[in-house]
């Protein structure tokens, strides 16, 4: 898998197509990744020992690796700027 934890990725397919986020978890055996803020689903939970109140929780579900693309950091390029001459010659004057 070419995607690692901490990589910035862009979603290529699905309901969140075009969104960007960072990878938080990779599931190598299943070829899936969990991306922060992507593929959020609502899960209904009953009250229990860990969750005393219960209710509707929003969680991030994993998406398949083939549906994401790693975004590489763009390099800042230094461009050469041509300097304009600062001398202005007056029209009509001649050196003698």
N, C-alpha and C. Protein backbone atom coordinates (compact mmCIF):
# COMPACT_ATOMS: atom_id res chain seq x y z
N UNK A 1 0.84 -1.17 0.00
CA UNK A 1 0.00 0.00 0.00
C UNK A 1 0.90 1.24 0.00
N UNK A 2 0.61 2.20 -0.87
CA UNK A 2 1.46 3.37 -1.00
C UNK A 2 0.99 4.52 -0.10
N UNK A 3 -0.12 4.35 0.56
CA UNK A 3 -0.65 5.39 1.43
C UNK A 3 -0.20 5.10 2.87
N UNK A 4 0.31 6.12 3.55
CA UNK A 4 0.79 5.96 4.92
C UNK A 4 0.01 6.90 5.84
N UNK A 5 0.11 6.64 7.14
CA UNK A 5 -0.53 7.50 8.13
C UNK A 5 0.12 8.87 8.07
N UNK A 6 -0.71 9.90 8.01
CA UNK A 6 -0.20 11.27 7.96
C UNK A 6 -0.17 11.85 6.56
N UNK A 7 -0.34 11.03 5.52
CA UNK A 7 -0.34 11.54 4.15
C UNK A 7 -1.61 12.35 3.89
N UNK A 8 -1.47 13.38 3.08
CA UNK A 8 -2.63 14.16 2.67
C UNK A 8 -3.16 13.53 1.38
N UNK A 9 -4.46 13.19 1.36
CA UNK A 9 -5.04 12.50 0.22
C UNK A 9 -6.27 13.25 -0.28
N UNK A 10 -6.62 12.96 -1.52
CA UNK A 10 -7.82 13.49 -2.15
C UNK A 10 -8.71 12.32 -2.55
N UNK A 11 -10.02 12.41 -2.28
CA UNK A 11 -10.95 11.33 -2.58
C UNK A 11 -11.34 11.41 -4.06
N UNK A 12 -11.23 10.28 -4.76
CA UNK A 12 -11.51 10.22 -6.19
C UNK A 12 -12.90 9.71 -6.52
N UNK A 13 -13.53 8.96 -5.60
CA UNK A 13 -14.84 8.37 -5.89
C UNK A 13 -15.67 8.31 -4.62
N UNK A 14 -16.97 8.26 -4.79
CA UNK A 14 -17.88 8.13 -3.66
C UNK A 14 -18.60 9.43 -3.34
N UNK A 15 -19.29 9.44 -2.21
CA UNK A 15 -20.10 10.60 -1.85
C UNK A 15 -19.27 11.82 -1.46
N UNK A 16 -18.01 11.61 -1.08
CA UNK A 16 -17.12 12.70 -0.69
C UNK A 16 -16.08 13.00 -1.77
N UNK A 17 -16.43 12.78 -3.03
CA UNK A 17 -15.51 12.97 -4.14
C UNK A 17 -15.03 14.42 -4.20
N UNK A 18 -13.70 14.58 -4.32
CA UNK A 18 -13.11 15.90 -4.43
C UNK A 18 -12.63 16.49 -3.11
N UNK A 19 -13.01 15.90 -1.99
CA UNK A 19 -12.59 16.41 -0.69
C UNK A 19 -11.19 15.93 -0.35
N UNK A 20 -10.52 16.69 0.53
CA UNK A 20 -9.17 16.35 0.94
C UNK A 20 -9.12 16.16 2.45
N UNK A 21 -8.20 15.32 2.90
CA UNK A 21 -8.01 15.07 4.33
C UNK A 21 -6.73 14.30 4.57
N UNK A 22 -6.43 14.06 5.84
CA UNK A 22 -5.22 13.32 6.18
C UNK A 22 -5.59 11.91 6.65
N UNK A 23 -4.72 10.95 6.36
CA UNK A 23 -4.95 9.56 6.72
C UNK A 23 -4.67 9.39 8.21
N UNK A 24 -5.63 8.80 8.95
CA UNK A 24 -5.44 8.58 10.38
C UNK A 24 -5.13 7.11 10.69
N UNK A 25 -5.75 6.18 9.96
CA UNK A 25 -5.54 4.74 10.19
C UNK A 25 -5.44 4.04 8.83
N UNK A 26 -4.53 3.06 8.74
CA UNK A 26 -4.47 2.22 7.54
C UNK A 26 -4.78 0.79 7.94
N UNK A 27 -5.64 0.14 7.16
CA UNK A 27 -6.00 -1.26 7.37
C UNK A 27 -5.43 -2.05 6.19
N UNK A 28 -4.23 -2.59 6.36
CA UNK A 28 -3.50 -3.20 5.25
C UNK A 28 -4.13 -4.48 4.74
N UNK A 29 -4.65 -5.31 5.63
CA UNK A 29 -5.25 -6.57 5.20
C UNK A 29 -6.51 -6.36 4.37
N UNK A 30 -7.23 -5.29 4.65
CA UNK A 30 -8.48 -5.01 3.94
C UNK A 30 -8.29 -4.00 2.81
N UNK A 31 -7.08 -3.46 2.63
CA UNK A 31 -6.78 -2.42 1.64
C UNK A 31 -7.69 -1.20 1.80
N UNK A 32 -7.83 -0.74 3.03
CA UNK A 32 -8.68 0.40 3.32
C UNK A 32 -7.94 1.41 4.19
N UNK A 33 -8.38 2.66 4.14
CA UNK A 33 -7.82 3.73 4.97
C UNK A 33 -8.95 4.54 5.58
N UNK A 34 -8.67 5.12 6.75
CA UNK A 34 -9.61 6.03 7.39
C UNK A 34 -9.04 7.42 7.23
N UNK A 35 -9.83 8.32 6.62
CA UNK A 35 -9.40 9.68 6.36
C UNK A 35 -10.18 10.62 7.25
N UNK A 36 -9.49 11.57 7.84
CA UNK A 36 -10.11 12.50 8.78
C UNK A 36 -11.14 13.37 8.06
N UNK A 37 -12.39 13.32 8.55
CA UNK A 37 -13.46 14.15 8.00
C UNK A 37 -14.12 13.60 6.75
N UNK A 38 -13.76 12.39 6.33
CA UNK A 38 -14.30 11.79 5.09
C UNK A 38 -15.10 10.55 5.45
N UNK A 39 -16.18 10.29 4.72
CA UNK A 39 -17.03 9.11 4.87
C UNK A 39 -17.59 9.00 6.29
N UNK A 40 -18.20 10.08 6.75
CA UNK A 40 -18.79 10.11 8.08
C UNK A 40 -20.18 9.49 8.02
N UNK A 41 -20.43 8.52 8.91
CA UNK A 41 -21.73 7.85 8.98
C UNK A 41 -22.27 7.97 10.40
N UNK A 42 -23.60 7.87 10.51
CA UNK A 42 -24.24 7.93 11.82
C UNK A 42 -24.52 6.52 12.30
N UNK A 43 -24.18 6.25 13.55
CA UNK A 43 -24.36 4.93 14.13
C UNK A 43 -25.24 5.07 15.38
N UNK A 44 -26.29 4.27 15.45
CA UNK A 44 -27.19 4.29 16.60
C UNK A 44 -26.67 3.35 17.67
N UNK A 45 -26.48 3.86 18.88
CA UNK A 45 -25.91 3.08 19.97
C UNK A 45 -26.92 2.98 21.11
N UNK A 46 -27.04 1.77 21.66
CA UNK A 46 -27.86 1.57 22.86
C UNK A 46 -27.05 1.97 24.08
N UNK A 47 -27.71 2.36 25.15
CA UNK A 47 -26.96 2.63 26.38
C UNK A 47 -26.30 1.36 26.90
N UNK A 48 -25.10 1.49 27.41
CA UNK A 48 -24.36 0.35 27.94
C UNK A 48 -23.32 0.82 28.93
N UNK A 49 -22.38 -0.05 29.23
CA UNK A 49 -21.35 0.31 30.21
C UNK A 49 -20.42 1.40 29.70
N UNK A 50 -20.01 1.29 28.45
CA UNK A 50 -19.10 2.30 27.91
C UNK A 50 -19.84 3.58 27.51
N UNK A 51 -21.05 3.45 27.01
CA UNK A 51 -21.84 4.60 26.56
C UNK A 51 -23.12 4.63 27.37
N UNK A 52 -23.16 5.38 28.46
CA UNK A 52 -24.30 5.36 29.37
C UNK A 52 -25.54 6.01 28.80
N UNK A 53 -25.37 7.02 27.95
CA UNK A 53 -26.54 7.73 27.43
C UNK A 53 -27.07 7.12 26.14
N UNK A 54 -26.21 6.52 25.36
CA UNK A 54 -26.65 6.00 24.07
C UNK A 54 -26.84 7.15 23.09
N UNK A 55 -27.58 6.91 22.03
CA UNK A 55 -27.87 7.96 21.06
C UNK A 55 -27.23 7.71 19.71
N UNK A 56 -27.16 8.77 18.92
CA UNK A 56 -26.63 8.68 17.57
C UNK A 56 -25.21 9.26 17.58
N UNK A 57 -24.24 8.45 17.17
CA UNK A 57 -22.85 8.88 17.11
C UNK A 57 -22.41 8.97 15.66
N UNK A 58 -21.57 9.97 15.35
CA UNK A 58 -21.02 10.10 14.00
C UNK A 58 -19.59 9.56 14.03
N UNK A 59 -19.30 8.61 13.14
CA UNK A 59 -17.97 8.01 13.07
C UNK A 59 -17.45 8.06 11.64
N UNK A 60 -16.13 7.94 11.50
CA UNK A 60 -15.50 7.89 10.18
C UNK A 60 -15.29 6.44 9.78
N UNK A 61 -15.85 6.05 8.67
CA UNK A 61 -15.69 4.69 8.17
C UNK A 61 -14.53 4.63 7.19
N UNK A 62 -13.89 3.46 7.07
CA UNK A 62 -12.79 3.34 6.11
C UNK A 62 -13.29 3.32 4.67
N UNK A 63 -12.43 3.79 3.77
CA UNK A 63 -12.72 3.72 2.34
C UNK A 63 -11.58 2.98 1.66
N UNK A 64 -11.84 2.44 0.49
CA UNK A 64 -10.85 1.63 -0.21
C UNK A 64 -9.71 2.50 -0.71
N UNK A 65 -8.52 1.92 -0.73
CA UNK A 65 -7.31 2.66 -1.12
C UNK A 65 -7.39 3.14 -2.56
N UNK A 66 -8.06 2.38 -3.42
CA UNK A 66 -8.14 2.76 -4.83
C UNK A 66 -8.97 4.02 -5.04
N UNK A 67 -9.72 4.44 -4.03
CA UNK A 67 -10.55 5.63 -4.15
C UNK A 67 -9.89 6.90 -3.62
N UNK A 68 -8.62 6.80 -3.23
CA UNK A 68 -7.90 7.98 -2.77
C UNK A 68 -6.60 8.15 -3.55
N UNK A 69 -6.12 9.40 -3.59
CA UNK A 69 -4.87 9.71 -4.29
C UNK A 69 -4.03 10.59 -3.37
N UNK A 70 -2.75 10.25 -3.23
CA UNK A 70 -1.85 11.01 -2.38
C UNK A 70 -1.54 12.34 -3.06
N UNK A 71 -1.64 13.42 -2.29
CA UNK A 71 -1.31 14.75 -2.79
C UNK A 71 0.10 15.08 -2.34
N UNK A 72 0.97 15.37 -3.28
CA UNK A 72 2.35 15.71 -2.95
C UNK A 72 2.44 17.20 -2.68
N UNK A 73 3.29 17.57 -1.75
CA UNK A 73 3.50 18.98 -1.44
C UNK A 73 4.18 19.64 -2.64
N UNK A 74 3.60 20.76 -3.07
CA UNK A 74 4.15 21.44 -4.23
C UNK A 74 5.40 22.21 -3.83
N UNK A 75 6.40 22.16 -4.67
CA UNK A 75 7.63 22.89 -4.41
C UNK A 75 7.45 24.34 -4.82
N UNK A 76 7.98 25.22 -4.00
CA UNK A 76 7.94 26.64 -4.34
C UNK A 76 9.11 26.93 -5.26
N UNK A 77 8.81 27.45 -6.42
CA UNK A 77 9.85 27.74 -7.39
C UNK A 77 10.19 29.22 -7.36
N UNK A 78 11.46 29.50 -7.45
CA UNK A 78 11.91 30.88 -7.51
C UNK A 78 12.07 31.23 -8.98
N UNK A 79 11.34 32.25 -9.40
CA UNK A 79 11.39 32.66 -10.80
C UNK A 79 12.29 33.87 -10.95
N UNK A 80 13.00 33.93 -12.06
CA UNK A 80 13.83 35.09 -12.34
C UNK A 80 12.95 36.20 -12.88
N UNK A 81 13.20 37.38 -12.38
CA UNK A 81 12.43 38.54 -12.83
C UNK A 81 13.39 39.48 -13.54
N UNK A 82 13.04 39.87 -14.75
CA UNK A 82 13.89 40.78 -15.51
C UNK A 82 13.77 42.18 -14.93
N UNK A 83 14.93 42.83 -14.71
CA UNK A 83 14.93 44.18 -14.16
C UNK A 83 14.80 45.18 -15.29
N UNK A 84 13.94 46.15 -15.07
CA UNK A 84 13.78 47.20 -16.06
C UNK A 84 14.84 48.27 -15.80
N UNK A 85 15.30 48.89 -16.86
CA UNK A 85 16.31 49.93 -16.68
C UNK A 85 15.68 51.14 -16.01
N UNK A 86 16.41 51.74 -15.09
CA UNK A 86 15.89 52.89 -14.35
C UNK A 86 16.26 54.21 -15.00
N UNK A 87 17.19 54.17 -15.95
CA UNK A 87 17.60 55.39 -16.64
C UNK A 87 16.59 55.75 -17.71
N UNK A 88 16.19 56.98 -17.65
CA UNK A 88 15.26 57.46 -18.68
C UNK A 88 15.99 58.52 -19.51
N UNK A 89 16.05 58.30 -20.77
CA UNK A 89 16.72 59.25 -21.65
C UNK A 89 15.70 60.22 -22.19
N UNK A 90 16.08 61.45 -22.16
CA UNK A 90 15.18 62.49 -22.68
C UNK A 90 15.33 62.54 -24.18
N UNK A 91 14.23 62.73 -24.84
CA UNK A 91 14.22 62.80 -26.29
C UNK A 91 14.74 64.16 -26.72
N UNK A 92 15.63 64.18 -27.67
CA UNK A 92 16.13 65.44 -28.21
C UNK A 92 17.46 65.86 -27.65
N UNK A 93 17.94 65.29 -26.55
CA UNK A 93 19.23 65.67 -25.99
C UNK A 93 20.33 64.80 -26.58
N UNK A 94 21.44 65.45 -26.93
CA UNK A 94 22.56 64.71 -27.49
C UNK A 94 23.81 65.09 -26.73
N UNK A 95 24.68 64.12 -26.56
CA UNK A 95 25.95 64.40 -25.91
C UNK A 95 26.92 64.96 -26.93
N UNK A 96 27.59 66.06 -26.58
CA UNK A 96 28.56 66.65 -27.50
C UNK A 96 29.91 66.67 -26.94
